[in-house]
Amino acid sequence: MKQYTTWLKTAAIMQLITALIHATTLFVTLPTNNETEKQLLTLMDTYKFDLGAGFHRTMGELLLALSACLCLVCLLGSLLNWYLLRKKVEPEIMKGVININLVVFGILFGLTTTFAFLLPIILSGLIFLFLIFSRLSINRTLKVQPKT
């Protein structure tokens, strides 16, 4: 098995790619195929929910906020992993960081598998897979290193 750094770099690249792909979808308007879809998209952009405390948002605005959060989570994961790898942080600390990544991106993969479509499922699945490989290979790195 390769070094954990190779797998973590690959996961970080996938996190960045996912963030960029998803960010581009924030600026694209979906085409409608029929009258029902047109009506649905019109309602998503015009009907405002009363969310209390003076907040009135459309479903489109709520979806935009959630979509932006996905981009930001992937970007944060990517930048953090790259930064820590570049600083050559101790493998014991990286093990904890990878574990946190696994929890966050494992939940993300579960949610996208349940509620999304093929592209986000594939992208989040690859991130999760490379993080798993990184976690498995860091155990070998820690076993080989002598403790001081």
Protein backbone atom coordinates (compact mmCIF):
# COMPACT_ATOMS: atom_id res chain seq x y z
CA MET A 1 0.00 0.00 0.00
CA LYS A 2 1.28 3.49 -0.79
CA GLN A 3 2.17 6.07 1.80
CA TYR A 4 -0.75 7.78 3.48
CA THR A 5 0.37 11.12 2.06
CA THR A 6 -0.31 9.97 -1.50
CA TRP A 7 -3.84 8.89 -0.62
CA LEU A 8 -4.48 12.06 1.39
CA LYS A 9 -3.24 14.24 -1.48
CA THR A 10 -5.58 12.35 -3.81
CA ALA A 11 -8.48 12.90 -1.38
CA ALA A 12 -7.60 16.61 -1.16
CA ILE A 13 -7.57 16.88 -4.96
CA MET A 14 -10.99 15.18 -5.10
CA GLN A 15 -12.29 17.56 -2.42
CA LEU A 16 -11.11 20.52 -4.49
CA ILE A 17 -12.57 19.11 -7.72
CA THR A 18 -15.89 18.50 -5.97
CA ALA A 19 -15.92 22.05 -4.61
CA LEU A 20 -15.19 23.52 -8.05
CA ILE A 21 -17.74 21.38 -9.89
CA HIS A 22 -20.42 22.11 -7.33
CA ALA A 23 -19.58 25.84 -7.33
CA THR A 24 -20.19 26.04 -11.07
CA THR A 25 -23.70 24.66 -10.57
CA LEU A 26 -24.53 27.66 -8.37
CA PHE A 27 -24.49 29.88 -11.45
CA VAL A 28 -26.37 27.63 -13.89
CA THR A 29 -30.11 27.82 -14.47
CA LEU A 30 -31.77 24.47 -15.01
CA PRO A 31 -33.71 24.06 -18.25
CA THR A 32 -37.30 22.90 -17.90
CA ASN A 33 -38.60 19.92 -19.85
CA ASN A 34 -42.32 20.45 -19.33
CA GLU A 35 -44.93 22.75 -17.81
CA THR A 36 -44.82 21.05 -14.40
CA GLU A 37 -41.06 21.58 -14.07
CA LYS A 38 -41.46 25.20 -15.18
CA GLN A 39 -44.12 25.78 -12.52
CA LEU A 40 -41.97 24.08 -9.87
CA LEU A 41 -38.91 26.20 -10.66
CA THR A 42 -41.03 29.36 -10.72
CA LEU A 43 -42.42 28.54 -7.28
CA MET A 44 -38.93 27.74 -5.95
CA ASP A 45 -37.76 31.19 -7.02
CA THR A 46 -40.83 33.24 -6.13
CA TYR A 47 -42.77 31.69 -3.23
CA LYS A 48 -41.37 32.91 0.09
CA PHE A 49 -41.71 30.88 3.27
CA ASP A 50 -42.27 32.72 6.54
CA LEU A 51 -39.46 31.29 8.64
CA GLY A 52 -40.15 33.47 11.67
CA ALA A 53 -38.24 36.40 13.17
CA GLY A 54 -38.80 38.39 9.97
CA PHE A 55 -37.06 35.90 7.69
CA HIS A 56 -38.80 35.24 4.37
CA ARG A 57 -36.85 33.02 2.00
CA THR A 58 -37.63 31.14 -1.18
CA MET A 59 -36.76 27.47 -1.53
CA GLY A 60 -34.23 28.53 -4.16
CA GLU A 61 -32.48 30.78 -1.64
CA LEU A 62 -32.40 27.99 0.95
CA LEU A 63 -31.02 25.56 -1.62
CA LEU A 64 -28.38 28.09 -2.67
CA ALA A 65 -27.18 28.43 0.93
CA LEU A 66 -26.98 24.66 1.38
CA SER A 67 -25.18 24.21 -1.94
CA ALA A 68 -22.66 26.90 -1.03
CA CYS A 69 -22.03 25.09 2.27
CA LEU A 70 -21.16 21.88 0.41
CA CYS A 71 -18.62 23.78 -1.68
CA LEU A 72 -17.15 25.39 1.41
CA VAL A 73 -16.89 22.11 3.37
CA CYS A 74 -15.07 20.46 0.47
CA LEU A 75 -12.80 23.48 0.04
CA LEU A 76 -12.03 23.59 3.77
CA GLY A 77 -11.17 19.88 3.81
CA SER A 78 -8.95 20.21 0.75
CA LEU A 79 -7.06 23.28 1.95
CA LEU A 80 -6.60 21.93 5.48
CA ASN A 81 -5.27 18.59 4.23
CA TRP A 82 -2.87 20.26 1.77
CA TYR A 83 -1.64 22.71 4.40
CA LEU A 84 -0.96 20.01 6.99
CA LEU A 85 0.79 17.80 4.43
CA ARG A 86 2.93 20.70 3.29
CA LYS A 87 3.93 21.46 6.89
CA LYS A 88 4.87 17.78 7.36
CA VAL A 89 2.79 17.42 10.49
CA GLU A 90 3.45 14.32 12.59
CA PRO A 91 1.60 11.19 11.41
CA GLU A 92 -0.05 10.80 14.83
CA ILE A 93 -1.72 14.22 14.43
CA MET A 94 -2.57 13.47 10.80
CA LYS A 95 -4.29 10.28 11.95
CA GLY A 96 -6.68 12.42 14.01
CA VAL A 97 -7.24 14.84 11.13
CA ILE A 98 -7.96 11.94 8.77
CA ASN A 99 -10.41 10.50 11.32
CA ILE A 100 -12.27 13.83 11.44
CA ASN A 101 -12.30 13.91 7.63
CA LEU A 102 -13.67 10.37 7.58
CA VAL A 103 -16.55 11.27 9.91
CA VAL A 104 -17.50 14.43 7.99
CA PHE A 105 -17.12 13.02 4.48
CA GLY A 106 -18.57 9.66 5.49
CA ILE A 107 -21.76 11.42 6.60
CA LEU A 108 -21.66 13.49 3.40
CA PHE A 109 -21.35 10.31 1.32
CA GLY A 110 -24.26 8.70 3.17
CA LEU A 111 -26.47 11.75 2.65
CA THR A 112 -25.60 12.12 -1.03
CA THR A 113 -26.17 8.41 -1.59
CA THR A 114 -29.59 8.70 0.02
CA PHE A 115 -30.79 12.03 -1.40
CA ALA A 116 -28.71 13.06 -4.43
CA PHE A 117 -27.96 11.91 -7.96
CA LEU A 118 -25.05 10.09 -9.60
CA LEU A 119 -22.34 12.78 -9.94
CA PRO A 120 -22.29 13.92 -6.27
CA ILE A 121 -22.53 10.28 -5.17
CA ILE A 122 -19.44 9.40 -7.24
CA LEU A 123 -17.46 12.46 -6.15
CA SER A 124 -18.23 12.12 -2.43
CA GLY A 125 -17.67 8.36 -2.66
CA LEU A 126 -14.20 8.87 -4.15
CA ILE A 127 -13.31 11.36 -1.42
CA PHE A 128 -14.45 8.89 1.24
CA LEU A 129 -12.63 5.99 -0.44
CA PHE A 130 -9.30 7.86 -0.67
CA LEU A 131 -9.65 8.95 2.96
CA ILE A 132 -10.19 5.30 3.96
CA PHE A 133 -7.04 4.30 2.02
CA SER A 134 -5.14 7.11 3.72
CA ARG A 135 -6.35 6.00 7.16
CA LEU A 136 -5.42 2.37 6.52
CA SER A 137 -1.96 3.26 5.25
CA ILE A 138 -1.20 5.68 8.09
CA ASN A 139 -1.55 2.77 10.52
CA ARG A 140 1.31 1.05 8.70
CA THR A 141 3.35 4.25 8.84
CA LEU A 142 2.83 4.51 12.59
CA LYS A 143 3.76 0.84 13.15
CA VAL A 144 7.02 1.23 11.21
CA GLN A 145 8.08 4.47 12.95
CA PRO A 146 9.97 4.00 16.20
CA LYS A 147 8.40 5.76 19.18
CA THR A 148 10.61 8.28 20.95
